Amino acid sequence: MKKPKIYLDTSVINFLFADDAPDFKRITIDFFENYFVHYEVYISDIVLLEINKTNDDVKKQELLQVIDDYPFIILEVQRDKRILHLSELYIKEKVIPEKKTEDAKHIAICTVFELDILLSWNFKHLANIHKEAFINAINEKEGYWKKLNLMSPLEALYED
């Protein structure tokens, strides 16, 4: 059976080290230790850019070490016009706020590459059933028929 294709936004990797949110941290660690292997797991160069913006050098190195330690499939998308077009459309349609361009790009990446799930701890803009409906409607208008599921790591623990 084919593994579901799952995309991790930067928040998921960050929560491996979230001492201020122990429940989310525990769930994230559980995902990496016990469920990661059940998926084809993707990130993008956008995730790497976000990690490299981290001001704390120790934390930045911890986050980059996660990338080295796990078999991520890394998508190079920075100059992909389809990603830029869709992400701008999500913002224009007010599904994603103007200042959250990376969030819009994460969604567009999943859409263009026909990934099954976008995994995030960002409940406001990404792991949100209301956003999911609007995003899928925009995607269909643009000719992308595959439904994208937006969910948190907690939901992914029971998805396989």
Protein backbone atom coordinates (compact mmCIF):
# COMPACT_ATOMS: atom_id res chain seq x y z
CA MET A 1 0.00 0.00 0.00
CA LYS A 2 1.20 3.47 -0.90
CA LYS A 3 2.22 5.74 1.97
CA PRO A 4 0.30 9.02 2.31
CA LYS A 5 2.31 12.10 1.32
CA ILE A 6 2.55 14.52 4.22
CA TYR A 7 4.12 17.98 4.34
CA LEU A 8 5.43 19.43 7.59
CA ASP A 9 5.42 23.16 8.08
CA THR A 10 8.07 24.70 10.32
CA SER A 11 5.86 24.70 13.42
CA VAL A 12 5.92 20.90 13.62
CA ILE A 13 9.71 20.78 13.73
CA ASN A 14 9.79 23.68 16.22
CA PHE A 15 7.49 21.86 18.62
CA LEU A 16 10.06 19.11 19.10
CA PHE A 17 11.76 21.67 21.35
CA ALA A 18 8.71 23.49 22.79
CA ASP A 19 9.33 23.21 26.53
CA ASP A 20 6.63 25.85 27.07
CA ALA A 21 4.01 23.55 25.45
CA PRO A 22 4.75 20.10 26.92
CA ASP A 23 1.62 18.37 25.54
CA PHE A 24 2.26 19.52 21.97
CA LYS A 25 5.95 18.67 22.38
CA ARG A 26 5.11 15.13 23.55
CA ILE A 27 2.70 14.58 20.64
CA THR A 28 5.27 15.90 18.15
CA ILE A 29 7.99 13.65 19.53
CA ASP A 30 5.56 10.72 19.34
CA PHE A 31 4.86 11.55 15.69
CA PHE A 32 8.57 11.63 14.82
CA GLU A 33 9.45 8.50 16.80
CA ASN A 34 6.47 6.30 15.94
CA TYR A 35 4.54 7.61 12.94
CA PHE A 36 7.05 9.34 10.65
CA VAL A 37 7.81 6.01 8.94
CA HIS A 38 4.17 5.57 7.93
CA TYR A 39 4.34 8.58 5.60
CA GLU A 40 6.36 10.03 2.75
CA VAL A 41 7.39 13.16 4.62
CA TYR A 42 8.07 16.37 2.72
CA ILE A 43 9.39 19.80 3.60
CA SER A 44 10.50 22.58 1.29
CA ASP A 45 13.22 25.13 0.92
CA ILE A 46 10.68 27.55 2.46
CA VAL A 47 10.89 25.54 5.71
CA LEU A 48 14.68 25.73 5.52
CA LEU A 49 14.52 29.50 5.00
CA GLU A 50 12.26 29.87 8.04
CA ILE A 51 14.61 27.77 10.16
CA ASN A 52 17.59 29.80 9.01
CA LYS A 53 15.83 33.00 10.16
CA THR A 54 15.95 31.68 13.75
CA ASN A 55 17.91 34.18 15.86
CA ASP A 56 18.98 31.68 18.53
CA ASP A 57 21.95 29.83 17.02
CA VAL A 58 21.61 26.83 19.35
CA LYS A 59 17.94 26.38 18.47
CA LYS A 60 18.70 26.87 14.76
CA GLN A 61 21.30 24.07 14.93
CA GLU A 62 18.83 21.79 16.75
CA LEU A 63 16.21 22.39 14.06
CA LEU A 64 18.69 21.79 11.23
CA GLN A 65 19.85 18.60 12.96
CA VAL A 66 16.27 17.29 12.77
CA ILE A 67 16.39 17.82 9.01
CA ASP A 68 19.62 15.80 8.87
CA ASP A 69 18.34 13.04 11.16
CA TYR A 70 15.12 12.17 9.31
CA PRO A 71 14.56 11.12 5.69
CA PHE A 72 12.66 14.19 4.52
CA ILE A 73 11.99 14.74 0.85
CA ILE A 74 12.96 18.38 0.31
CA LEU A 75 11.11 20.24 -2.44
CA GLU A 76 12.90 23.16 -4.11
CA VAL A 77 10.10 25.61 -4.86
CA GLN A 78 11.25 29.19 -4.31
CA ARG A 79 11.07 30.13 -7.97
CA ASP A 80 8.07 28.01 -8.92
CA LYS A 81 5.54 30.35 -10.54
CA ARG A 82 2.64 28.01 -9.73
CA ILE A 83 3.46 28.26 -6.01
CA LEU A 84 3.72 32.04 -6.18
CA HIS A 85 0.45 32.34 -8.11
CA LEU A 86 -1.54 30.15 -5.72
CA SER A 87 -0.05 31.69 -2.58
CA GLU A 88 -0.88 35.17 -3.86
CA LEU A 89 -4.42 33.99 -4.61
CA TYR A 90 -4.93 32.65 -1.06
CA ILE A 91 -3.89 36.06 0.24
CA LYS A 92 -5.97 37.99 -2.32
CA GLU A 93 -9.03 35.91 -1.37
CA LYS A 94 -8.28 36.67 2.31
CA VAL A 95 -7.99 33.01 3.30
CA ILE A 96 -4.46 33.73 4.55
CA PRO A 97 -3.42 37.16 5.93
CA GLU A 98 -1.08 39.34 3.87
CA LYS A 99 1.74 39.07 6.40
CA LYS A 100 1.66 35.25 6.37
CA THR A 101 3.14 34.64 2.92
CA GLU A 102 5.10 31.57 4.06
CA ASP A 103 1.88 29.95 5.30
CA ALA A 104 0.27 30.60 1.92
CA LYS A 105 3.31 29.09 0.19
CA HIS A 106 3.17 25.95 2.36
CA ILE A 107 -0.44 25.43 1.23
CA ALA A 108 0.41 26.10 -2.41
CA ILE A 109 3.31 23.63 -2.29
CA CYS A 110 1.00 20.89 -1.02
CA THR A 111 -1.53 21.72 -3.72
CA VAL A 112 0.85 21.85 -6.66
CA PHE A 113 2.73 18.68 -5.64
CA GLU A 114 -0.55 16.87 -4.85
CA LEU A 115 0.40 16.02 -1.29
CA ASP A 116 -2.27 14.45 0.89
CA ILE A 117 -1.79 16.32 4.17
CA LEU A 118 -0.33 19.61 5.37
CA LEU A 119 0.69 19.05 9.00
CA SER A 120 0.94 22.08 11.27
CA TRP A 121 0.50 23.28 14.83
CA ASN A 122 -0.73 26.60 13.42
CA PHE A 123 -4.45 26.29 14.13
CA LYS A 124 -5.23 29.86 13.11
CA HIS A 125 -4.00 29.73 9.51
CA LEU A 126 -3.21 26.13 8.59
CA ALA A 127 -4.56 23.24 10.69
CA ASN A 128 -8.08 24.59 10.45
CA ILE A 129 -11.13 22.90 8.91
CA HIS A 130 -12.68 26.22 7.87
CA LYS A 131 -9.52 27.27 6.02
CA GLU A 132 -9.37 23.81 4.44
CA ALA A 133 -12.78 24.26 2.80
CA PHE A 134 -11.90 27.70 1.38
CA ILE A 135 -8.49 26.51 0.17
CA ASN A 136 -9.93 23.46 -1.57
CA ALA A 137 -12.55 25.67 -3.25
CA ILE A 138 -9.86 28.03 -4.56
CA ASN A 139 -7.76 25.08 -5.67
CA GLU A 140 -10.66 23.60 -7.64
CA LYS A 141 -11.25 26.93 -9.41
CA GLU A 142 -7.57 26.85 -10.38
CA GLY A 143 -7.81 23.28 -11.72
CA TYR A 144 -6.33 21.43 -8.74
CA TRP A 145 -8.86 18.71 -7.94
CA LYS A 146 -7.04 16.72 -5.27
CA LYS A 147 -8.39 17.59 -1.83
CA LEU A 148 -5.80 18.83 0.65
CA ASN A 149 -6.23 17.89 4.31
CA LEU A 150 -4.99 20.40 6.87
CA MET A 151 -4.34 18.81 10.24
CA SER A 152 -2.29 18.82 13.40
CA PRO A 153 0.21 16.12 14.40
CA LEU A 154 -2.36 14.79 16.89
CA GLU A 155 -4.71 13.97 14.03
CA ALA A 156 -1.89 12.39 11.98
CA LEU A 157 -1.16 9.93 14.77
CA TYR A 158 -4.41 8.21 13.93
CA GLU A 159 -4.47 8.83 10.16
CA ASP A 160 -2.49 5.79 9.02
